[in-house]
Amino acid sequence: MRLGLSNISIHPGGRPCEPQDILLCFQEDRWLAYKGSACFPTWATAATIVPADSCPMILFTVDGANVYGLDVPSSRKLAQSDDHFFEPVATFRQLASQHDSYLLIAAYHLILWYRNHRFCGRCAHSLEPSPIERALHCPECGSILYPIICPAISVAITDGDRLLLARNIHSSFQHYSLIAGYVEVGESLEATLIREVKEEVGLSVKNIRYVGSQAWGFSQSLMVGYHAELDGSDQVTLQEGELSDARWFRRDEITANPSPLSLSFSMIEMFRSNTLP
């Protein structure tokens, strides 16, 4: 099951766009879609509608295709086009191709980084893309900033033929999923797992086993998945302000997901098919 991009190459520098290059244009939390045979516009199809003074930045090359990114401020308007329209970035889940889904959110990850880091945190001078690596550098004080990647864990907690699933209050995508959380300073991944499980649902776990990892550009994260077994009482105590519900599901109560995009959903499917490590 594919959980990311393959054959991806990073380009720190740039070059003029060619007609066949992919152009991923973002405005706030929306991306520019194309009605043609491919959902992503090329420079040939989109060049006439983006602002004339736009400076697309090469993000990467994937499977031989050069991918450029463009962040258009909300105050700027694009030229009218019957073939192009803006979609929420969250629609990456609805794309027909998993490859395209991950391409879109990987690009969004980089766009957010560039958008949120325009000035040096040390001297407040404007940052510039490094010509030799994926980084932003300050020409005034020499500070170098690399892309922000936030490590996080996701854990499938099992008790025999039961799996614990929960709903997060703050998520716009209201579904039952696995317990997850960000790594704090000084923690190992396993320590994060134990802390998050205790904080969010009041449970203890044992026999922690690694399952896999996944880049998750939608939240600028690197998700690391684990399987852990219940240790002791199965009584759930919800963390107020974080979860709206959490409960145990038997294997036969979980509906199959034929195309899970996230590592968490993939682990749920592994549990359902009894293939969790």
Protein backbone atom coordinates (compact mmCIF):
# COMPACT_ATOMS: atom_id res chain seq x y z
CA MET A 1 0.00 0.00 0.00
CA ARG A 2 1.54 3.29 -1.08
CA LEU A 3 1.91 5.82 1.69
CA GLY A 4 3.91 8.57 0.01
CA LEU A 5 5.70 9.75 -3.10
CA SER A 6 8.21 7.67 -5.01
CA ASN A 7 11.08 8.79 -7.23
CA ILE A 8 11.09 12.29 -5.78
CA SER A 9 14.09 14.59 -6.20
CA ILE A 10 14.61 17.89 -4.41
CA HIS A 11 15.84 20.96 -6.29
CA PRO A 12 17.15 23.83 -4.15
CA GLY A 13 17.39 26.21 -7.08
CA GLY A 14 15.11 26.98 -9.99
CA ARG A 15 14.87 27.55 -13.70
CA PRO A 16 12.33 29.10 -16.09
CA CYS A 17 9.08 27.13 -16.31
CA GLU A 18 8.58 24.93 -19.36
CA PRO A 19 5.09 24.41 -20.87
CA GLN A 20 4.86 20.80 -19.60
CA ASP A 21 5.86 21.60 -16.01
CA ILE A 22 3.24 21.11 -13.32
CA LEU A 23 2.14 24.33 -11.60
CA LEU A 24 0.60 24.01 -8.15
CA CYS A 25 -0.90 27.37 -7.31
CA PHE A 26 -2.15 28.07 -3.78
CA GLN A 27 -4.17 30.89 -2.28
CA GLU A 28 -4.67 30.67 1.50
CA ASP A 29 -5.89 27.07 2.04
CA ARG A 30 -7.04 26.51 -1.53
CA TRP A 31 -5.31 25.10 -4.62
CA LEU A 32 -5.92 25.71 -8.31
CA ALA A 33 -7.42 22.66 -10.03
CA TYR A 34 -7.77 21.99 -13.75
CA LYS A 35 -10.74 20.46 -15.56
CA GLY A 36 -8.57 18.70 -18.15
CA SER A 37 -7.47 15.07 -18.22
CA ALA A 38 -4.97 15.79 -15.43
CA CYS A 39 -6.20 17.49 -12.26
CA PHE A 40 -3.05 19.62 -11.95
CA PRO A 41 -2.51 22.58 -14.29
CA THR A 42 0.65 22.80 -16.35
CA TRP A 43 2.44 26.05 -17.04
CA ALA A 44 0.99 25.91 -20.57
CA THR A 45 -2.60 25.84 -19.28
CA ALA A 46 -2.24 28.21 -16.31
CA ALA A 47 0.30 30.84 -17.38
CA THR A 48 -2.33 33.15 -18.81
CA ILE A 49 -4.42 33.33 -15.62
CA VAL A 50 -1.79 33.74 -12.88
CA PRO A 51 -0.49 37.27 -12.11
CA ALA A 52 2.00 38.44 -14.72
CA ASP A 53 4.63 39.21 -12.10
CA SER A 54 4.41 35.76 -10.51
CA CYS A 55 7.64 33.97 -9.64
CA PRO A 56 6.92 30.24 -9.33
CA MET A 57 9.50 28.30 -7.32
CA ILE A 58 10.58 24.80 -8.28
CA LEU A 59 9.59 22.46 -5.46
CA PHE A 60 10.79 19.07 -6.67
CA THR A 61 10.87 16.62 -9.52
CA VAL A 62 8.69 13.56 -9.09
CA ASP A 63 8.61 10.64 -11.52
CA GLY A 64 10.43 12.82 -14.06
CA ALA A 65 8.01 15.77 -13.86
CA ASN A 66 9.14 19.19 -12.64
CA VAL A 67 6.72 20.62 -10.08
CA TYR A 68 6.55 24.35 -9.42
CA GLY A 69 4.73 26.07 -6.57
CA LEU A 70 3.14 29.49 -6.50
CA ASP A 71 1.60 31.21 -3.46
CA VAL A 72 -0.83 33.92 -4.52
CA PRO A 73 -1.86 36.42 -1.78
CA SER A 74 -5.60 36.58 -1.08
CA SER A 75 -5.60 40.21 -2.23
CA ARG A 76 -4.57 39.17 -5.75
CA LYS A 77 -7.13 37.98 -8.27
CA LEU A 78 -6.54 35.46 -11.01
CA ALA A 79 -7.81 36.00 -14.55
CA GLN A 80 -11.11 34.29 -15.31
CA SER A 81 -10.92 30.78 -16.77
CA ASP A 82 -13.58 28.18 -17.50
CA ASP A 83 -11.00 25.41 -17.08
CA HIS A 84 -9.48 26.38 -13.72
CA PHE A 85 -11.08 26.65 -10.29
CA PHE A 86 -9.97 26.78 -6.66
CA GLU A 87 -10.57 23.83 -4.34
CA PRO A 88 -9.88 23.51 -0.59
CA VAL A 89 -6.59 21.74 0.09
CA ALA A 90 -8.57 19.24 2.18
CA THR A 91 -9.92 17.80 -1.08
CA PHE A 92 -6.61 15.99 -1.51
CA ARG A 93 -8.48 13.06 0.08
CA GLN A 94 -10.89 12.98 -2.88
CA LEU A 95 -8.39 12.84 -5.74
CA ALA A 96 -8.58 9.70 -7.85
CA SER A 97 -4.83 9.08 -7.62
CA GLN A 98 -3.05 8.56 -4.29
CA HIS A 99 0.11 9.74 -6.04
CA ASP A 100 -1.58 13.08 -6.85
CA SER A 101 -2.90 13.36 -3.29
CA TYR A 102 0.56 13.11 -1.78
CA LEU A 103 2.04 15.37 -4.44
CA LEU A 104 -0.48 18.06 -3.54
CA ILE A 105 0.05 17.96 0.22
CA ALA A 106 3.85 17.70 -0.11
CA ALA A 107 3.74 20.89 -2.18
CA TYR A 108 1.39 22.52 0.34
CA HIS A 109 3.85 21.65 3.11
CA LEU A 110 6.59 23.60 1.33
CA ILE A 111 4.30 26.50 0.42
CA LEU A 112 3.29 26.90 4.08
CA TRP A 113 6.94 26.91 5.09
CA TYR A 114 7.83 29.61 2.57
CA ARG A 115 4.70 31.61 3.46
CA ASN A 116 5.33 31.55 7.20
CA HIS A 117 9.08 32.22 7.11
CA ARG A 118 9.63 35.38 5.09
CA PHE A 119 11.88 37.11 7.61
CA CYS A 120 14.87 36.09 9.70
CA GLY A 121 13.99 35.34 13.33
CA ARG A 122 17.42 36.59 14.43
CA CYS A 123 17.73 39.97 12.68
CA ALA A 124 14.35 40.42 10.88
CA HIS A 125 15.97 40.72 7.42
CA SER A 126 14.16 39.16 4.44
CA LEU A 127 15.04 35.51 3.87
CA GLU A 128 16.11 34.16 0.49
CA PRO A 129 16.05 30.62 -0.97
CA SER A 130 19.45 28.95 -0.80
CA PRO A 131 20.94 28.23 -4.24
CA ILE A 132 22.59 25.00 -3.05
CA GLU A 133 20.10 23.22 -0.77
CA ARG A 134 16.51 23.13 0.42
CA ALA A 135 16.82 25.99 2.89
CA LEU A 136 16.20 29.68 3.46
CA HIS A 137 19.17 31.83 4.34
CA CYS A 138 19.57 35.35 5.65
CA PRO A 139 22.00 37.48 3.58
CA GLU A 140 22.38 39.86 6.53
CA CYS A 141 23.39 37.60 9.43
CA GLY A 142 23.95 34.27 7.68
CA SER A 143 21.23 32.38 9.57
CA ILE A 144 19.96 29.24 7.79
CA LEU A 145 16.45 27.82 8.17
CA TYR A 146 15.44 24.34 7.01
CA PRO A 147 11.87 23.14 6.34
CA ILE A 148 9.79 22.61 9.45
CA ILE A 149 8.91 18.94 9.97
CA CYS A 150 7.02 18.06 13.15
CA PRO A 151 7.38 14.45 14.37
CA ALA A 152 4.20 12.84 15.69
CA ILE A 153 3.04 9.38 16.69
CA SER A 154 -0.11 7.44 15.86
CA VAL A 155 -0.89 4.30 17.84
CA ALA A 156 -3.22 1.37 17.31
CA ILE A 157 -4.14 0.25 20.85
CA THR A 158 -5.51 -3.28 20.84
CA ASP A 159 -7.07 -5.59 23.39
CA GLY A 160 -7.46 -8.96 21.71
CA ASP A 161 -9.98 -8.48 18.90
CA ARG A 162 -10.78 -4.90 19.96
CA LEU A 163 -9.25 -1.63 18.74
CA LEU A 164 -9.53 1.74 20.49
CA LEU A 165 -10.74 4.55 18.21
CA ALA A 166 -11.40 8.17 19.14
CA ARG A 167 -12.80 11.43 17.77
CA ASN A 168 -10.81 14.66 18.04
CA ILE A 169 -12.80 17.76 18.93
CA HIS A 170 -10.63 20.11 16.86
CA SER A 171 -10.51 18.12 13.61
CA SER A 172 -12.65 19.34 10.69
CA PHE A 173 -12.70 15.73 9.45
CA GLN A 174 -14.97 14.14 12.06
CA HIS A 175 -14.26 10.42 12.07
CA TYR A 176 -13.03 7.76 14.44
CA SER A 177 -9.29 7.33 14.22
CA LEU A 178 -6.27 6.33 16.29
CA ILE A 179 -4.77 8.17 19.25
CA ALA A 180 -2.08 10.54 17.96
CA GLY A 181 0.08 13.36 19.22
CA TYR A 182 3.16 15.49 18.64
CA VAL A 183 6.57 14.74 20.13
CA GLU A 184 7.64 17.19 22.82
CA VAL A 185 11.17 18.43 23.50
CA GLY A 186 13.31 15.77 25.17
CA GLU A 187 10.96 12.88 24.39
CA SER A 188 11.58 9.69 22.46
CA LEU A 189 8.82 8.48 20.13
CA GLU A 190 7.94 5.71 22.56
CA ALA A 191 7.77 8.14 25.50
CA THR A 192 5.44 10.36 23.46
CA LEU A 193 3.19 7.37 22.77
CA ILE A 194 2.94 6.40 26.44
CA ARG A 195 2.26 10.00 27.52
CA GLU A 196 -0.35 10.70 24.82
CA VAL A 197 -2.27 7.49 25.54
CA LYS A 198 -2.32 8.23 29.28
CA GLU A 199 -3.28 11.89 28.78
CA GLU A 200 -5.98 11.41 26.15
CA VAL A 201 -7.74 8.21 27.25
CA GLY A 202 -6.22 7.34 30.66
CA LEU A 203 -4.92 3.93 29.56
CA SER A 204 -1.60 2.11 29.98
CA VAL A 205 0.00 0.10 27.18
CA LYS A 206 2.71 -2.52 26.69
CA ASN A 207 4.49 -4.43 23.91
CA ILE A 208 4.98 -1.33 21.72
CA ARG A 209 5.86 -2.29 18.14
CA TYR A 210 6.80 -0.09 15.18
CA VAL A 211 4.49 -0.29 12.14
CA GLY A 212 5.63 2.39 9.69
CA SER A 213 6.06 6.09 8.98
CA GLN A 214 4.60 8.63 6.58
CA ALA A 215 5.25 12.21 5.55
CA TRP A 216 2.02 14.14 6.13
CA GLY A 217 2.35 17.56 4.57
CA PHE A 218 -1.20 18.59 5.44
CA SER A 219 0.00 19.23 9.02
CA GLN A 220 3.73 19.56 8.19
CA SER A 221 4.31 16.33 10.08
CA LEU A 222 6.23 13.09 9.94
CA MET A 223 3.82 10.49 11.30
CA VAL A 224 5.29 7.41 12.97
CA GLY A 225 2.89 4.53 13.52
CA TYR A 226 2.95 1.97 16.34
CA HIS A 227 0.93 -0.97 17.60
CA ALA A 228 0.57 -1.26 21.38
CA GLU A 229 -1.40 -3.66 23.57
CA LEU A 230 -3.62 -2.65 26.48
CA ASP A 231 -1.95 -3.08 29.88
CA GLY A 232 -4.47 -3.21 32.70
CA SER A 233 -7.91 -1.64 32.88
CA ASP A 234 -9.82 -0.90 29.66
CA GLN A 235 -11.78 1.96 31.30
CA VAL A 236 -11.46 5.04 29.07
CA THR A 237 -11.11 8.48 30.65
CA LEU A 238 -11.39 11.21 28.00
CA GLN A 239 -9.11 14.22 28.06
CA GLU A 240 -11.37 17.26 28.23
CA GLY A 241 -10.88 19.69 25.37
CA GLU A 242 -9.17 17.13 23.10
CA LEU A 243 -11.51 14.22 22.41
CA SER A 244 -15.27 14.11 21.99
CA ASP A 245 -15.47 10.31 22.19
CA ALA A 246 -13.32 7.20 22.42
CA ARG A 247 -14.42 3.59 22.55
CA TRP A 248 -13.45 0.02 21.75
CA PHE A 249 -14.44 -1.48 18.40
CA ARG A 250 -14.48 -5.18 17.66
CA ARG A 251 -12.82 -6.32 14.45
CA ASP A 252 -16.16 -7.13 12.81
CA GLU A 253 -17.52 -3.65 13.66
CA ILE A 254 -14.93 -1.83 11.52
CA THR A 255 -15.90 -1.08 7.92
CA ALA A 256 -13.30 -1.76 5.24
CA ASN A 257 -11.63 1.28 3.68
CA PRO A 258 -10.54 0.33 0.14
CA SER A 259 -8.20 3.30 -0.32
CA PRO A 260 -6.87 4.69 2.97
CA LEU A 261 -4.56 7.66 2.43
CA SER A 262 -3.23 8.14 5.92
CA LEU A 263 -0.99 5.88 7.95
CA SER A 264 -3.60 5.84 10.73
CA PHE A 265 -6.33 4.61 8.39
CA SER A 266 -3.92 2.03 6.96
CA MET A 267 -3.25 0.69 10.46
CA ILE A 268 -6.98 0.49 11.13
CA GLU A 269 -7.30 -1.57 7.96
CA MET A 270 -4.39 -3.76 9.09
CA PHE A 271 -6.23 -4.43 12.35
CA ARG A 272 -9.46 -5.19 10.52
CA SER A 273 -7.65 -7.72 8.30
CA ASN A 274 -5.64 -9.06 11.28
CA THR A 275 -2.27 -8.11 9.77
CA LEU A 276 -0.95 -5.61 12.36
CA PRO A 277 2.66 -6.39 13.35
